[in-house]
Amino acid sequence: MKAVKVKKTKKSCCVACNGENTKTYLMTYPVKMGEKQLDVGRVSVRECLDCGVIKPTQAGQAKIERSTMMFMSLCGGFIDDDKICPF
């Protein structure tokens, strides 16, 4: 995953290491749907500069969910819900 644009640096807590040094990016976020991969563009994510974990922000997670539901409605629901997993 390559970051598209650096947004800002913000002090917040990392979920993996409890580090407080994070940076917010806009990037393409992959979501695996069955055997296919859906790349959701311009998702707001936070990267921990201490351990390197990348997690979507609340707004980014909402966009991933909206995009996933839109994709499923367009493909006619041929993909099982239990096989959807964000990386």
PDB file of N, CA and C in Angstrom:
ATOM      1  N   MET A   1       0.843  -1.174   0.000  1.00  0.00           N
ATOM      2  CA  MET A   1       0.000   0.000   0.000  1.00  0.00           C
ATOM      3  C   MET A   1       0.885   1.232   0.000  1.00  0.00           C
ATOM      4  N   LYS A   2       0.669   2.096  -0.915  1.00  0.00           N
ATOM      5  CA  LYS A   2       1.463   3.298  -1.014  1.00  0.00           C
ATOM      6  C   LYS A   2       0.598   4.513  -0.714  1.00  0.00           C
ATOM      7  N   ALA A   3       1.096   5.394   0.117  1.00  0.00           N
ATOM      8  CA  ALA A   3       0.331   6.572   0.498  1.00  0.00           C
ATOM      9  C   ALA A   3       0.236   7.539  -0.666  1.00  0.00           C
ATOM     10  N   VAL A   4      -0.942   8.102  -0.856  1.00  0.00           N
ATOM     11  CA  VAL A   4      -1.169   9.039  -1.936  1.00  0.00           C
ATOM     12  C   VAL A   4      -0.789  10.446  -1.509  1.00  0.00           C
ATOM     13  N   LYS A   5      -1.159  10.832  -0.313  1.00  0.00           N
ATOM     14  CA  LYS A   5      -0.964  12.209   0.113  1.00  0.00           C
ATOM     15  C   LYS A   5      -0.841  12.261   1.629  1.00  0.00           C
ATOM     16  N   VAL A   6       0.144  12.969   2.130  1.00  0.00           N
ATOM     17  CA  VAL A   6       0.284  13.150   3.565  1.00  0.00           C
ATOM     18  C   VAL A   6      -0.687  14.234   3.999  1.00  0.00           C
ATOM     19  N   LYS A   7      -1.511  13.923   4.968  1.00  0.00           N
ATOM     20  CA  LYS A   7      -2.524  14.867   5.401  1.00  0.00           C
ATOM     21  C   LYS A   7      -2.040  15.717   6.572  1.00  0.00           C
ATOM     22  N   LYS A   8      -1.706  15.085   7.693  1.00  0.00           N
ATOM     23  CA  LYS A   8      -1.229  15.815   8.853  1.00  0.00           C
ATOM     24  C   LYS A   8      -0.657  14.846   9.869  1.00  0.00           C
ATOM     25  N   THR A   9       0.075  15.358  10.821  1.00  0.00           N
ATOM     26  CA  THR A   9       0.580  14.561  11.925  1.00  0.00           C
ATOM     27  C   THR A   9      -0.284  14.849  13.136  1.00  0.00           C
ATOM     28  N   LYS A  10      -0.706  13.788  13.816  1.00  0.00           N
ATOM     29  CA  LYS A  10      -1.591  13.958  14.955  1.00  0.00           C
ATOM     30  C   LYS A  10      -1.166  13.005  16.063  1.00  0.00           C
ATOM     31  N   LYS A  11      -1.220  13.467  17.281  1.00  0.00           N
ATOM     32  CA  LYS A  11      -0.918  12.626  18.426  1.00  0.00           C
ATOM     33  C   LYS A  11      -2.163  11.831  18.787  1.00  0.00           C
ATOM     34  N   SER A  12      -2.099  10.523  18.600  1.00  0.00           N
ATOM     35  CA  SER A  12      -3.171   9.627  19.000  1.00  0.00           C
ATOM     36  C   SER A  12      -2.538   8.290  19.351  1.00  0.00           C
ATOM     37  N   CYS A  13      -3.299   7.425  19.954  1.00  0.00           N
ATOM     38  CA  CYS A  13      -2.772   6.172  20.469  1.00  0.00           C
ATOM     39  C   CYS A  13      -2.883   5.058  19.429  1.00  0.00           C
ATOM     40  N   CYS A  14      -1.795   4.317  19.238  1.00  0.00           N
ATOM     41  CA  CYS A  14      -1.785   3.164  18.334  1.00  0.00           C
ATOM     42  C   CYS A  14      -2.481   1.992  19.023  1.00  0.00           C
ATOM     43  N   VAL A  15      -3.269   1.232  18.257  1.00  0.00           N
ATOM     44  CA  VAL A  15      -3.992   0.098  18.833  1.00  0.00           C
ATOM     45  C   VAL A  15      -3.078  -1.094  19.089  1.00  0.00           C
ATOM     46  N   ALA A  16      -1.952  -1.185  18.395  1.00  0.00           N
ATOM     47  CA  ALA A  16      -1.065  -2.339  18.532  1.00  0.00           C
ATOM     48  C   ALA A  16      -0.013  -2.152  19.631  1.00  0.00           C
ATOM     49  N   CYS A  17       0.660  -0.991  19.631  1.00  0.00           N
ATOM     50  CA  CYS A  17       1.782  -0.813  20.563  1.00  0.00           C
ATOM     51  C   CYS A  17       1.562   0.316  21.580  1.00  0.00           C
ATOM     52  N   ASN A  18       0.416   0.971  21.522  1.00  0.00           N
ATOM     53  CA  ASN A  18       0.091   2.119  22.385  1.00  0.00           C
ATOM     54  C   ASN A  18       1.051   3.287  22.194  1.00  0.00           C
ATOM     55  N   GLY A  19       1.704   3.332  21.051  1.00  0.00           N
ATOM     56  CA  GLY A  19       2.565   4.468  20.731  1.00  0.00           C
ATOM     57  C   GLY A  19       1.723   5.689  20.397  1.00  0.00           C
ATOM     58  N   GLU A  20       2.281   6.864  20.618  1.00  0.00           N
ATOM     59  CA  GLU A  20       1.533   8.099  20.382  1.00  0.00           C
ATOM     60  C   GLU A  20       2.022   8.860  19.151  1.00  0.00           C
ATOM     61  N   ASN A  21       2.933   8.292  18.404  1.00  0.00           N
ATOM     62  CA  ASN A  21       3.489   8.958  17.237  1.00  0.00           C
ATOM     63  C   ASN A  21       2.837   8.387  15.977  1.00  0.00           C
ATOM     64  N   THR A  22       1.759   9.021  15.512  1.00  0.00           N
ATOM     65  CA  THR A  22       1.041   8.537  14.331  1.00  0.00           C
ATOM     66  C   THR A  22       0.961   9.630  13.277  1.00  0.00           C
ATOM     67  N   LYS A  23       0.731   9.195  12.040  1.00  0.00           N
ATOM     68  CA  LYS A  23       0.570  10.130  10.934  1.00  0.00           C
ATOM     69  C   LYS A  23      -0.658   9.699  10.132  1.00  0.00           C
ATOM     70  N   THR A  24      -1.452  10.669   9.695  1.00  0.00           N
ATOM     71  CA  THR A  24      -2.664  10.389   8.938  1.00  0.00           C
ATOM     72  C   THR A  24      -2.401  10.573   7.454  1.00  0.00           C
ATOM     73  N   TYR A  25      -2.811   9.578   6.658  1.00  0.00           N
ATOM     74  CA  TYR A  25      -2.624   9.587   5.215  1.00  0.00           C
ATOM     75  C   TYR A  25      -3.963   9.382   4.516  1.00  0.00           C
ATOM     76  N   LEU A  26      -4.020   9.771   3.248  1.00  0.00           N
ATOM     77  CA  LEU A  26      -5.069   9.344   2.337  1.00  0.00           C
ATOM     78  C   LEU A  26      -4.427   8.341   1.400  1.00  0.00           C
ATOM     79  N   MET A  27      -4.981   7.130   1.332  1.00  0.00           N
ATOM     80  CA  MET A  27      -4.371   6.107   0.506  1.00  0.00           C
ATOM     81  C   MET A  27      -5.414   5.143  -0.037  1.00  0.00           C
ATOM     82  N   THR A  28      -5.027   4.370  -1.025  1.00  0.00           N
ATOM     83  CA  THR A  28      -5.872   3.308  -1.555  1.00  0.00           C
ATOM     84  C   THR A  28      -5.802   2.136  -0.587  1.00  0.00           C
ATOM     85  N   TYR A  29      -6.967   1.674  -0.134  1.00  0.00           N
ATOM     86  CA  TYR A  29      -7.032   0.618   0.880  1.00  0.00           C
ATOM     87  C   TYR A  29      -7.634  -0.636   0.255  1.00  0.00           C
ATOM     88  N   PRO A  30      -6.932  -1.781   0.302  1.00  0.00           N
ATOM     89  CA  PRO A  30      -7.452  -3.010  -0.312  1.00  0.00           C
ATOM     90  C   PRO A  30      -8.426  -3.739   0.613  1.00  0.00           C
ATOM     91  N   VAL A  31      -9.507  -4.258   0.036  1.00  0.00           N
ATOM     92  CA  VAL A  31     -10.469  -5.078   0.764  1.00  0.00           C
ATOM     93  C   VAL A  31     -10.633  -6.367  -0.027  1.00  0.00           C
ATOM     94  N   LYS A  32     -10.399  -7.510   0.623  1.00  0.00           N
ATOM     95  CA  LYS A  32     -10.517  -8.795  -0.054  1.00  0.00           C
ATOM     96  C   LYS A  32     -11.965  -9.258   0.035  1.00  0.00           C
ATOM     97  N   MET A  33     -12.558  -9.513  -1.124  1.00  0.00           N
ATOM     98  CA  MET A  33     -13.951  -9.957  -1.202  1.00  0.00           C
ATOM     99  C   MET A  33     -13.980 -11.293  -1.926  1.00  0.00           C
ATOM    100  N   GLY A  34     -14.060 -12.365  -1.168  1.00  0.00           N
ATOM    101  CA  GLY A  34     -13.993 -13.694  -1.776  1.00  0.00           C
ATOM    102  C   GLY A  34     -12.618 -13.897  -2.375  1.00  0.00           C
ATOM    103  N   GLU A  35     -12.587 -14.152  -3.672  1.00  0.00           N
ATOM    104  CA  GLU A  35     -11.307 -14.320  -4.353  1.00  0.00           C
ATOM    105  C   GLU A  35     -10.878 -13.050  -5.058  1.00  0.00           C
ATOM    106  N   LYS A  36     -11.668 -12.003  -4.975  1.00  0.00           N
ATOM    107  CA  LYS A  36     -11.349 -10.731  -5.630  1.00  0.00           C
ATOM    108  C   LYS A  36     -10.874  -9.712  -4.613  1.00  0.00           C
ATOM    109  N   GLN A  37     -10.215  -8.685  -5.103  1.00  0.00           N
ATOM    110  CA  GLN A  37      -9.751  -7.592  -4.253  1.00  0.00           C
ATOM    111  C   GLN A  37     -10.367  -6.296  -4.743  1.00  0.00           C
ATOM    112  N   LEU A  38     -10.976  -5.568  -3.834  1.00  0.00           N
ATOM    113  CA  LEU A  38     -11.569  -4.269  -4.130  1.00  0.00           C
ATOM    114  C   LEU A  38     -10.641  -3.210  -3.551  1.00  0.00           C
ATOM    115  N   ASP A  39     -10.145  -2.299  -4.385  1.00  0.00           N
ATOM    116  CA  ASP A  39      -9.280  -1.215  -3.928  1.00  0.00           C
ATOM    117  C   ASP A  39     -10.128   0.033  -3.748  1.00  0.00           C
ATOM    118  N   VAL A  40     -10.308   0.439  -2.496  1.00  0.00           N
ATOM    119  CA  VAL A  40     -11.096   1.625  -2.170  1.00  0.00           C
ATOM    120  C   VAL A  40     -10.142   2.810  -2.146  1.00  0.00           C
ATOM    121  N   GLY A  41     -10.400   3.811  -2.974  1.00  0.00           N
ATOM    122  CA  GLY A  41      -9.498   4.950  -3.109  1.00  0.00           C
ATOM    123  C   GLY A  41      -9.759   6.047  -2.100  1.00  0.00           C
ATOM    124  N   ARG A  42      -8.719   6.779  -1.756  1.00  0.00           N
ATOM    125  CA  ARG A  42      -8.757   7.956  -0.889  1.00  0.00           C
ATOM    126  C   ARG A  42      -9.405   7.674   0.466  1.00  0.00           C
ATOM    127  N   VAL A  43      -8.878   6.647   1.148  1.00  0.00           N
ATOM    128  CA  VAL A  43      -9.338   6.290   2.484  1.00  0.00           C
ATOM    129  C   VAL A  43      -8.391   6.928   3.489  1.00  0.00           C
ATOM    130  N   SER A  44      -8.953   7.553   4.510  1.00  0.00           N
ATOM    131  CA  SER A  44      -8.158   8.166   5.562  1.00  0.00           C
ATOM    132  C   SER A  44      -7.684   7.086   6.533  1.00  0.00           C
ATOM    133  N   VAL A  45      -6.350   6.933   6.646  1.00  0.00           N
ATOM    134  CA  VAL A  45      -5.764   5.924   7.532  1.00  0.00           C
ATOM    135  C   VAL A  45      -4.724   6.572   8.430  1.00  0.00           C
ATOM    136  N   ARG A  46      -4.468   5.919   9.574  1.00  0.00           N
ATOM    137  CA  ARG A  46      -3.403   6.353  10.472  1.00  0.00           C
ATOM    138  C   ARG A  46      -2.317   5.297  10.493  1.00  0.00           C
ATOM    139  N   GLU A  47      -1.070   5.753  10.344  1.00  0.00           N
ATOM    140  CA  GLU A  47       0.076   4.848  10.413  1.00  0.00           C
ATOM    141  C   GLU A  47       0.860   5.165  11.672  1.00  0.00           C
ATOM    142  N   CYS A  48       1.150   4.136  12.456  1.00  0.00           N
ATOM    143  CA  CYS A  48       1.984   4.306  13.639  1.00  0.00           C
ATOM    144  C   CYS A  48       3.430   4.385  13.173  1.00  0.00           C
ATOM    145  N   LEU A  49       4.117   5.437  13.552  1.00  0.00           N
ATOM    146  CA  LEU A  49       5.510   5.610  13.137  1.00  0.00           C
ATOM    147  C   LEU A  49       6.466   4.771  13.977  1.00  0.00           C
ATOM    148  N   ASP A  50       5.964   4.182  15.072  1.00  0.00           N
ATOM    149  CA  ASP A  50       6.799   3.327  15.917  1.00  0.00           C
ATOM    150  C   ASP A  50       6.798   1.875  15.432  1.00  0.00           C
ATOM    151  N   CYS A  51       5.592   1.320  15.152  1.00  0.00           N
ATOM    152  CA  CYS A  51       5.513  -0.099  14.772  1.00  0.00           C
ATOM    153  C   CYS A  51       5.065  -0.325  13.328  1.00  0.00           C
ATOM    154  N   GLY A  52       4.566   0.706  12.640  1.00  0.00           N
ATOM    155  CA  GLY A  52       4.204   0.590  11.231  1.00  0.00           C
ATOM    156  C   GLY A  52       2.805   0.073  10.951  1.00  0.00           C
ATOM    157  N   VAL A  53       1.966  -0.088  11.978  1.00  0.00           N
ATOM    158  CA  VAL A  53       0.596  -0.568  11.783  1.00  0.00           C
ATOM    159  C   VAL A  53      -0.231   0.511  11.092  1.00  0.00           C
ATOM    160  N   ILE A  54      -1.022   0.097  10.090  1.00  0.00           N
ATOM    161  CA  ILE A  54      -1.890   1.025   9.360  1.00  0.00           C
ATOM    162  C   ILE A  54      -3.335   0.629   9.636  1.00  0.00           C
ATOM    163  N   LYS A  55      -4.116   1.561  10.196  1.00  0.00           N
ATOM    164  CA  LYS A  55      -5.526   1.330  10.500  1.00  0.00           C
ATOM    165  C   LYS A  55      -6.352   2.474   9.942  1.00  0.00           C
ATOM    166  N   PRO A  56      -7.553   2.190   9.409  1.00  0.00           N
ATOM    167  CA  PRO A  56      -8.420   3.268   8.943  1.00  0.00           C
ATOM    168  C   PRO A  56      -8.959   4.087  10.113  1.00  0.00           C
ATOM    169  N   THR A  57      -9.163   5.376   9.886  1.00  0.00           N
ATOM    170  CA  THR A  57      -9.825   6.212  10.884  1.00  0.00           C
ATOM    171  C   THR A  57     -11.316   5.873  10.864  1.00  0.00           C
ATOM    172  N   GLN A  58     -12.101   6.508  11.743  1.00  0.00           N
ATOM    173  CA  GLN A  58     -13.543   6.248  11.751  1.00  0.00           C
ATOM    174  C   GLN A  58     -14.170   6.635  10.418  1.00  0.00           C
ATOM    175  N   ALA A  59     -13.773   7.778   9.878  1.00  0.00           N
ATOM    176  CA  ALA A  59     -14.297   8.218   8.586  1.00  0.00           C
ATOM    177  C   ALA A  59     -13.833   7.278   7.474  1.00  0.00           C
ATOM    178  N   GLY A  60     -12.591   6.815   7.552  1.00  0.00           N
ATOM    179  CA  GLY A  60     -12.069   5.884   6.555  1.00  0.00           C
ATOM    180  C   GLY A  60     -12.790   4.545   6.602  1.00  0.00           C
ATOM    181  N   GLN A  61     -13.084   4.058   7.795  1.00  0.00           N
ATOM    182  CA  GLN A  61     -13.802   2.796   7.943  1.00  0.00           C
ATOM    183  C   GLN A  61     -15.221   2.918   7.393  1.00  0.00           C
ATOM    184  N   ALA A  62     -15.849   4.065   7.620  1.00  0.00           N
ATOM    185  CA  ALA A  62     -17.193   4.295   7.081  1.00  0.00           C
ATOM    186  C   ALA A  62     -17.170   4.288   5.552  1.00  0.00           C
ATOM    187  N   LYS A  63     -16.135   4.877   4.955  1.00  0.00           N
ATOM    188  CA  LYS A  63     -16.022   4.890   3.497  1.00  0.00           C
ATOM    189  C   LYS A  63     -15.803   3.480   2.957  1.00  0.00           C
ATOM    190  N   ILE A  64     -15.001   2.685   3.643  1.00  0.00           N
ATOM    191  CA  ILE A  64     -14.772   1.300   3.231  1.00  0.00           C
ATOM    192  C   ILE A  64     -16.086   0.521   3.255  1.00  0.00           C
ATOM    193  N   GLU A  65     -16.870   0.709   4.313  1.00  0.00           N
ATOM    194  CA  GLU A  65     -18.148   0.008   4.414  1.00  0.00           C
ATOM    195  C   GLU A  65     -19.125   0.453   3.326  1.00  0.00           C
ATOM    196  N   ARG A  66     -19.192   1.763   3.056  1.00  0.00           N
ATOM    197  CA  ARG A  66     -20.075   2.261   1.993  1.00  0.00           C
ATOM    198  C   ARG A  66     -19.668   1.714   0.634  1.00  0.00           C
ATOM    199  N   SER A  67     -18.377   1.729   0.351  1.00  0.00           N
ATOM    200  CA  SER A  67     -17.883   1.254  -0.940  1.00  0.00           C
ATOM    201  C   SER A  67     -18.117  -0.242  -1.105  1.00  0.00           C
ATOM    202  N   THR A  68     -17.932  -1.004  -0.027  1.00  0.00           N
ATOM    203  CA  THR A  68     -18.149  -2.444  -0.069  1.00  0.00           C
ATOM    204  C   THR A  68     -19.620  -2.764  -0.328  1.00  0.00           C
ATOM    205  N   MET A  69     -20.513  -2.065   0.370  1.00  0.00           N
ATOM    206  CA  MET A  69     -21.946  -2.289   0.166  1.00  0.00           C
ATOM    207  C   MET A  69     -22.379  -1.890  -1.248  1.00  0.00           C
ATOM    208  N   MET A  70     -21.838  -0.800  -1.770  1.00  0.00           N
ATOM    209  CA  MET A  70     -22.155  -0.370  -3.131  1.00  0.00           C
ATOM    210  C   MET A  70     -21.678  -1.411  -4.138  1.00  0.00           C
ATOM    211  N   PHE A  71     -20.464  -1.934  -3.958  1.00  0.00           N
ATOM    212  CA  PHE A  71     -19.931  -2.948  -4.848  1.00  0.00           C
ATOM    213  C   PHE A  71     -20.798  -4.203  -4.814  1.00  0.00           C
ATOM    214  N   MET A  72     -21.217  -4.617  -3.612  1.00  0.00           N
ATOM    215  CA  MET A  72     -22.048  -5.814  -3.488  1.00  0.00           C
ATOM    216  C   MET A  72     -23.404  -5.618  -4.143  1.00  0.00           C
ATOM    217  N   SER A  73     -23.959  -4.412  -4.044  1.00  0.00           N
ATOM    218  CA  SER A  73     -25.252  -4.175  -4.682  1.00  0.00           C
ATOM    219  C   SER A  73     -25.113  -4.146  -6.208  1.00  0.00           C
ATOM    220  N   LEU A  74     -23.977  -3.672  -6.702  1.00  0.00           N
ATOM    221  CA  LEU A  74     -23.757  -3.646  -8.147  1.00  0.00           C
ATOM    222  C   LEU A  74     -23.498  -5.031  -8.734  1.00  0.00           C
ATOM    223  N   CYS A  75     -22.830  -5.894  -7.966  1.00  0.00           N
ATOM    224  CA  CYS A  75     -22.535  -7.228  -8.497  1.00  0.00           C
ATOM    225  C   CYS A  75     -23.663  -8.209  -8.210  1.00  0.00           C
ATOM    226  N   GLY A  76     -24.743  -7.751  -7.593  1.00  0.00           N
ATOM    227  CA  GLY A  76     -25.908  -8.599  -7.394  1.00  0.00           C
ATOM    228  C   GLY A  76     -25.819  -9.522  -6.206  1.00  0.00           C
ATOM    229  N   GLY A  77     -24.888  -9.266  -5.284  1.00  0.00           N
ATOM    230  CA  GLY A  77     -24.793 -10.085  -4.078  1.00  0.00           C
ATOM    231  C   GLY A  77     -24.230 -11.464  -4.311  1.00  0.00           C
ATOM    232  N   PHE A  78     -23.386 -11.647  -5.313  1.00  0.00           N
ATOM    233  CA  PHE A  78     -22.813 -12.956  -5.602  1.00  0.00           C
ATOM    234  C   PHE A  78     -21.629 -13.297  -4.700  1.00  0.00           C
ATOM    235  N   ILE A  79     -21.252 -12.379  -3.804  1.00  0.00           N
ATOM    236  CA  ILE A  79     -20.120 -12.601  -2.915  1.00  0.00           C
ATOM    237  C   ILE A  79     -20.653 -12.793  -1.502  1.00  0.00           C
ATOM    238  N   ASP A  80     -20.177 -13.824  -0.790  1.00  0.00           N
ATOM    239  CA  ASP A  80     -20.635 -14.107   0.568  1.00  0.00           C
ATOM    240  C   ASP A  80     -20.120 -13.054   1.530  1.00  0.00           C
ATOM    241  N   ASP A  81     -20.979 -12.641   2.483  1.00  0.00           N
ATOM    242  CA  ASP A  81     -20.596 -11.637   3.477  1.00  0.00           C
ATOM    243  C   ASP A  81     -19.474 -12.123   4.385  1.00  0.00           C
ATOM    244  N   ASP A  82     -19.416 -13.424   4.673  1.00  0.00           N
ATOM    245  CA  ASP A  82     -18.396 -13.938   5.592  1.00  0.00           C
ATOM    246  C   ASP A  82     -17.009 -14.007   4.951  1.00  0.00           C
ATOM    247  N   LYS A  83     -16.915 -13.779   3.636  1.00  0.00           N
ATOM    248  CA  LYS A  83     -15.612 -13.817   2.967  1.00  0.00           C
ATOM    249  C   LYS A  83     -15.034 -12.428   2.741  1.00  0.00           C
ATOM    250  N   ILE A  84     -15.668 -11.380   3.287  1.00  0.00           N
ATOM    251  CA  ILE A  84     -15.165 -10.015   3.139  1.00  0.00           C
ATOM    252  C   ILE A  84     -14.228  -9.740   4.309  1.00  0.00           C
ATOM    253  N   CYS A  85     -12.984  -9.362   4.006  1.00  0.00           N
ATOM    254  CA  CYS A  85     -12.069  -9.039   5.094  1.00  0.00           C
ATOM    255  C   CYS A  85     -11.112  -7.938   4.639  1.00  0.00           C
ATOM    256  N   PRO A  86     -11.099  -6.788   5.345  1.00  0.00           N
ATOM    257  CA  PRO A  86     -10.091  -5.776   5.033  1.00  0.00           C
ATOM    258  C   PRO A  86      -8.720  -6.254   5.505  1.00  0.00           C
ATOM    259  N   PHE A  87      -7.678  -5.887   4.788  1.00  0.00           N
ATOM    260  CA  PHE A  87      -6.317  -6.286   5.153  1.00  0.00           C
ATOM    261  C   PHE A  87      -5.877  -5.601   6.410  1.00  0.00           C
TER     262      PHE A  87
END
